[in-house]
Every structure is written in structure tokens, then in C-alpha cells.
Amino acid sequence: MTSILAVATGLICGSLNLWLLTAAGRRLADSGRAKPFVFSSLFRLGLFAIVAGFFAVVGPWPMTLYIVGLFVPLALHVAGLMRDADEKT
């Protein structure tokens, strides 16, 4: 049960992380100001590290599954970008 919760939480947090990262990157590209981007990155790192810490207290495998779930949305996004880049060439 804890493993399913860890993966589901990782996927939700990973999707939120990707959305926040994309929004911060767009703001950085529009304004050219790096300080808000850095602060949002530190906030995201702290937030998702706290969640990982919770699963670390539960045990090593739930934390591992959370981290895997956290990076799945980012990996799928990058794979989609690579596919789109291949189609354009």
C-alpha cells in the first residue's frame, strides 16, 4: 500500500514540478531576470525534498519509488520534445 502511495505521490509531484518549472522558465525567458527563477527552483527543491524525506522515514523502497515517480513526467516530456525535434528535421 505504501509503495502505491509513493508512486502516485511521485507522479503527482513530478507533474506539478514540471508545470512549475515550465512556468518559471517562461517567466525567465520573458523577463530575463534570474533571481525569481532561482528562488522558485529552491522552493521546488525544498518542497519535493520534504516529501522525499517523509517517504525515507517510512523506508528506503517507498522513497526510491517516490523519486522514480517524480522524474517520470519529466522524462516523458523530454522524450516528447526529442520526438518533435526529430520530426522537424
N, C-alpha and C. Protein backbone atom coordinates (compact mmCIF):
# COMPACT_ATOMS: atom_id res chain seq x y z
N MET A 1 0.82 -1.20 0.00
CA MET A 1 0.00 0.00 0.00
C MET A 1 0.87 1.26 0.00
N THR A 2 1.92 1.22 0.80
CA THR A 2 2.81 2.38 0.86
C THR A 2 3.52 2.60 -0.47
N SER A 3 3.83 1.50 -1.16
CA SER A 3 4.50 1.61 -2.45
C SER A 3 3.61 2.29 -3.49
N ILE A 4 2.35 1.93 -3.51
CA ILE A 4 1.42 2.55 -4.45
C ILE A 4 1.26 4.03 -4.14
N LEU A 5 1.16 4.35 -2.85
CA LEU A 5 1.05 5.74 -2.43
C LEU A 5 2.31 6.53 -2.83
N ALA A 6 3.47 5.91 -2.69
CA ALA A 6 4.73 6.59 -3.04
C ALA A 6 4.80 6.87 -4.54
N VAL A 7 4.43 5.91 -5.35
CA VAL A 7 4.47 6.11 -6.81
C VAL A 7 3.44 7.16 -7.22
N ALA A 8 2.22 7.07 -6.68
CA ALA A 8 1.19 8.04 -7.03
C ALA A 8 1.59 9.45 -6.60
N THR A 9 2.15 9.58 -5.40
CA THR A 9 2.59 10.89 -4.92
C THR A 9 3.73 11.40 -5.79
N GLY A 10 4.64 10.51 -6.17
CA GLY A 10 5.74 10.91 -7.04
C GLY A 10 5.26 11.41 -8.39
N LEU A 11 4.28 10.73 -8.96
CA LEU A 11 3.74 11.16 -10.26
C LEU A 11 3.03 12.51 -10.15
N ILE A 12 2.28 12.70 -9.09
CA ILE A 12 1.58 13.98 -8.89
C ILE A 12 2.60 15.10 -8.67
N CYS A 13 3.56 14.86 -7.78
CA CYS A 13 4.58 15.88 -7.52
C CYS A 13 5.44 16.14 -8.75
N GLY A 14 5.73 15.08 -9.53
CA GLY A 14 6.50 15.25 -10.75
C GLY A 14 5.77 16.09 -11.78
N SER A 15 4.48 15.87 -11.90
CA SER A 15 3.68 16.69 -12.83
C SER A 15 3.63 18.15 -12.36
N LEU A 16 3.45 18.36 -11.07
CA LEU A 16 3.45 19.71 -10.53
C LEU A 16 4.81 20.37 -10.71
N ASN A 17 5.88 19.62 -10.48
CA ASN A 17 7.22 20.13 -10.66
C ASN A 17 7.46 20.55 -12.11
N LEU A 18 7.04 19.72 -13.05
CA LEU A 18 7.21 20.05 -14.47
C LEU A 18 6.43 21.30 -14.83
N TRP A 19 5.21 21.42 -14.32
CA TRP A 19 4.40 22.60 -14.61
C TRP A 19 5.05 23.86 -14.03
N LEU A 20 5.52 23.77 -12.78
CA LEU A 20 6.18 24.93 -12.15
C LEU A 20 7.48 25.29 -12.85
N LEU A 21 8.23 24.28 -13.26
CA LEU A 21 9.49 24.52 -13.98
C LEU A 21 9.24 25.20 -15.32
N THR A 22 8.23 24.74 -16.03
CA THR A 22 7.90 25.34 -17.32
C THR A 22 7.44 26.78 -17.16
N ALA A 23 6.60 27.03 -16.17
CA ALA A 23 6.13 28.40 -15.94
C ALA A 23 7.28 29.32 -15.55
N ALA A 24 8.17 28.84 -14.69
CA ALA A 24 9.31 29.66 -14.27
C ALA A 24 10.26 29.91 -15.44
N GLY A 25 10.45 28.92 -16.28
CA GLY A 25 11.30 29.09 -17.46
C GLY A 25 10.73 30.11 -18.43
N ARG A 26 9.42 30.08 -18.61
CA ARG A 26 8.79 31.08 -19.50
C ARG A 26 8.93 32.49 -18.93
N ARG A 27 8.74 32.61 -17.62
CA ARG A 27 8.91 33.93 -17.00
C ARG A 27 10.36 34.40 -17.13
N LEU A 28 11.30 33.49 -17.00
CA LEU A 28 12.72 33.84 -17.15
C LEU A 28 12.99 34.28 -18.58
N ALA A 29 12.44 33.59 -19.55
CA ALA A 29 12.65 33.96 -20.95
C ALA A 29 12.00 35.31 -21.27
N ASP A 30 10.85 35.59 -20.68
CA ASP A 30 10.16 36.85 -20.95
C ASP A 30 10.83 38.04 -20.27
N SER A 31 11.22 37.86 -19.01
CA SER A 31 11.73 39.00 -18.25
C SER A 31 13.25 39.09 -18.25
N GLY A 32 13.94 37.95 -18.37
CA GLY A 32 15.39 37.96 -18.32
C GLY A 32 15.95 38.08 -16.92
N ARG A 33 15.09 38.04 -15.91
CA ARG A 33 15.53 38.16 -14.51
C ARG A 33 15.71 36.76 -13.93
N ALA A 34 16.92 36.48 -13.47
CA ALA A 34 17.23 35.14 -12.98
C ALA A 34 16.84 34.93 -11.52
N LYS A 35 16.79 36.00 -10.73
CA LYS A 35 16.55 35.84 -9.30
C LYS A 35 15.22 35.15 -8.99
N PRO A 36 14.09 35.53 -9.60
CA PRO A 36 12.85 34.80 -9.32
C PRO A 36 12.92 33.33 -9.74
N PHE A 37 13.65 33.04 -10.82
CA PHE A 37 13.80 31.66 -11.26
C PHE A 37 14.57 30.85 -10.22
N VAL A 38 15.62 31.44 -9.69
CA VAL A 38 16.44 30.76 -8.68
C VAL A 38 15.61 30.51 -7.42
N PHE A 39 14.87 31.51 -6.97
CA PHE A 39 14.05 31.34 -5.77
C PHE A 39 12.97 30.27 -5.97
N SER A 40 12.35 30.25 -7.15
CA SER A 40 11.33 29.23 -7.40
C SER A 40 11.97 27.84 -7.47
N SER A 41 13.19 27.75 -7.99
CA SER A 41 13.88 26.47 -8.04
C SER A 41 14.21 25.97 -6.63
N LEU A 42 14.67 26.86 -5.77
CA LEU A 42 14.97 26.47 -4.39
C LEU A 42 13.69 26.06 -3.65
N PHE A 43 12.60 26.76 -3.91
CA PHE A 43 11.32 26.42 -3.30
C PHE A 43 10.88 25.02 -3.74
N ARG A 44 10.96 24.75 -5.05
CA ARG A 44 10.58 23.44 -5.55
C ARG A 44 11.46 22.34 -4.98
N LEU A 45 12.75 22.59 -4.92
CA LEU A 45 13.67 21.61 -4.37
C LEU A 45 13.33 21.30 -2.91
N GLY A 46 13.10 22.35 -2.13
CA GLY A 46 12.75 22.14 -0.72
C GLY A 46 11.44 21.41 -0.55
N LEU A 47 10.44 21.79 -1.31
CA LEU A 47 9.12 21.18 -1.19
C LEU A 47 9.18 19.69 -1.50
N PHE A 48 9.78 19.33 -2.61
CA PHE A 48 9.78 17.93 -3.01
C PHE A 48 10.79 17.12 -2.21
N ALA A 49 11.79 17.75 -1.63
CA ALA A 49 12.72 17.05 -0.74
C ALA A 49 12.04 16.70 0.58
N ILE A 50 11.15 17.58 1.05
CA ILE A 50 10.40 17.28 2.28
C ILE A 50 9.53 16.05 2.07
N VAL A 51 8.89 15.97 0.91
CA VAL A 51 8.05 14.80 0.62
C VAL A 51 8.92 13.55 0.54
N ALA A 52 10.09 13.65 -0.10
CA ALA A 52 11.00 12.51 -0.16
C ALA A 52 11.46 12.11 1.24
N GLY A 53 11.69 13.08 2.09
CA GLY A 53 12.08 12.80 3.47
C GLY A 53 11.01 12.03 4.22
N PHE A 54 9.76 12.37 3.97
CA PHE A 54 8.66 11.63 4.60
C PHE A 54 8.71 10.16 4.19
N PHE A 55 8.90 9.90 2.90
CA PHE A 55 8.96 8.51 2.45
C PHE A 55 10.24 7.82 2.91
N ALA A 56 11.32 8.57 3.13
CA ALA A 56 12.55 7.99 3.66
C ALA A 56 12.34 7.48 5.09
N VAL A 57 11.51 8.20 5.85
CA VAL A 57 11.21 7.75 7.22
C VAL A 57 10.44 6.43 7.18
N VAL A 58 9.56 6.30 6.18
CA VAL A 58 8.77 5.08 6.05
C VAL A 58 9.67 3.90 5.70
N GLY A 59 10.63 4.13 4.80
CA GLY A 59 11.55 3.06 4.40
C GLY A 59 12.26 3.42 3.12
N PRO A 60 13.32 2.68 2.77
CA PRO A 60 14.10 3.03 1.58
C PRO A 60 13.36 2.77 0.27
N TRP A 61 12.55 1.72 0.20
CA TRP A 61 11.86 1.44 -1.06
C TRP A 61 10.77 2.46 -1.38
N PRO A 62 9.95 2.87 -0.45
CA PRO A 62 8.98 3.92 -0.79
C PRO A 62 9.65 5.21 -1.25
N MET A 63 10.77 5.57 -0.65
CA MET A 63 11.48 6.78 -1.09
C MET A 63 11.99 6.60 -2.52
N THR A 64 12.53 5.43 -2.81
CA THR A 64 13.03 5.15 -4.16
C THR A 64 11.90 5.23 -5.18
N LEU A 65 10.76 4.64 -4.86
CA LEU A 65 9.62 4.67 -5.78
C LEU A 65 9.09 6.09 -5.95
N TYR A 66 9.11 6.87 -4.89
CA TYR A 66 8.69 8.28 -4.99
C TYR A 66 9.60 9.03 -5.95
N ILE A 67 10.91 8.85 -5.81
CA ILE A 67 11.86 9.57 -6.67
C ILE A 67 11.71 9.13 -8.12
N VAL A 68 11.50 7.84 -8.35
CA VAL A 68 11.27 7.37 -9.72
C VAL A 68 10.02 8.03 -10.28
N GLY A 69 8.94 8.02 -9.50
CA GLY A 69 7.70 8.66 -9.95
C GLY A 69 7.86 10.15 -10.17
N LEU A 70 8.73 10.78 -9.39
CA LEU A 70 8.96 12.22 -9.52
C LEU A 70 9.56 12.57 -10.88
N PHE A 71 10.42 11.70 -11.40
CA PHE A 71 11.11 12.01 -12.65
C PHE A 71 10.43 11.45 -13.89
N VAL A 72 9.42 10.62 -13.75
CA VAL A 72 8.72 10.06 -14.90
C VAL A 72 8.08 11.15 -15.78
N PRO A 73 7.33 12.11 -15.23
CA PRO A 73 6.75 13.15 -16.10
C PRO A 73 7.82 13.96 -16.85
N LEU A 74 8.93 14.26 -16.19
CA LEU A 74 10.00 15.00 -16.85
C LEU A 74 10.61 14.17 -17.98
N ALA A 75 10.84 12.88 -17.73
CA ALA A 75 11.40 12.01 -18.76
C ALA A 75 10.47 11.88 -19.96
N LEU A 76 9.18 11.76 -19.70
CA LEU A 76 8.21 11.67 -20.80
C LEU A 76 8.15 12.97 -21.58
N HIS A 77 8.25 14.10 -20.89
CA HIS A 77 8.25 15.40 -21.56
C HIS A 77 9.48 15.53 -22.47
N VAL A 78 10.63 15.16 -21.96
CA VAL A 78 11.86 15.23 -22.75
C VAL A 78 11.79 14.29 -23.95
N ALA A 79 11.25 13.09 -23.75
CA ALA A 79 11.10 12.16 -24.87
C ALA A 79 10.18 12.73 -25.94
N GLY A 80 9.11 13.39 -25.53
CA GLY A 80 8.22 14.03 -26.49
C GLY A 80 8.90 15.17 -27.24
N LEU A 81 9.70 15.95 -26.54
CA LEU A 81 10.44 17.03 -27.21
C LEU A 81 11.44 16.48 -28.21
N MET A 82 12.10 15.39 -27.86
CA MET A 82 13.06 14.78 -28.79
C MET A 82 12.35 14.24 -30.02
N ARG A 83 11.18 13.64 -29.83
CA ARG A 83 10.41 13.12 -30.96
C ARG A 83 9.98 14.27 -31.88
N ASP A 84 9.52 15.36 -31.28
CA ASP A 84 9.12 16.52 -32.07
C ASP A 84 10.30 17.10 -32.85
N ALA A 85 11.46 17.13 -32.22
CA ALA A 85 12.65 17.65 -32.89
C ALA A 85 13.06 16.76 -34.05
N ASP A 86 12.92 15.44 -33.89
CA ASP A 86 13.24 14.51 -34.97
C ASP A 86 12.29 14.66 -36.15
N GLU A 87 11.01 14.94 -35.86
CA GLU A 87 10.03 15.10 -36.92
C GLU A 87 10.26 16.37 -37.72
N LYS A 88 10.83 17.39 -37.11
CA LYS A 88 11.08 18.64 -37.81
C LYS A 88 12.30 18.58 -38.71
N THR A 89 13.20 17.63 -38.46
CA THR A 89 14.41 17.56 -39.30
C THR A 89 14.24 16.64 -40.45
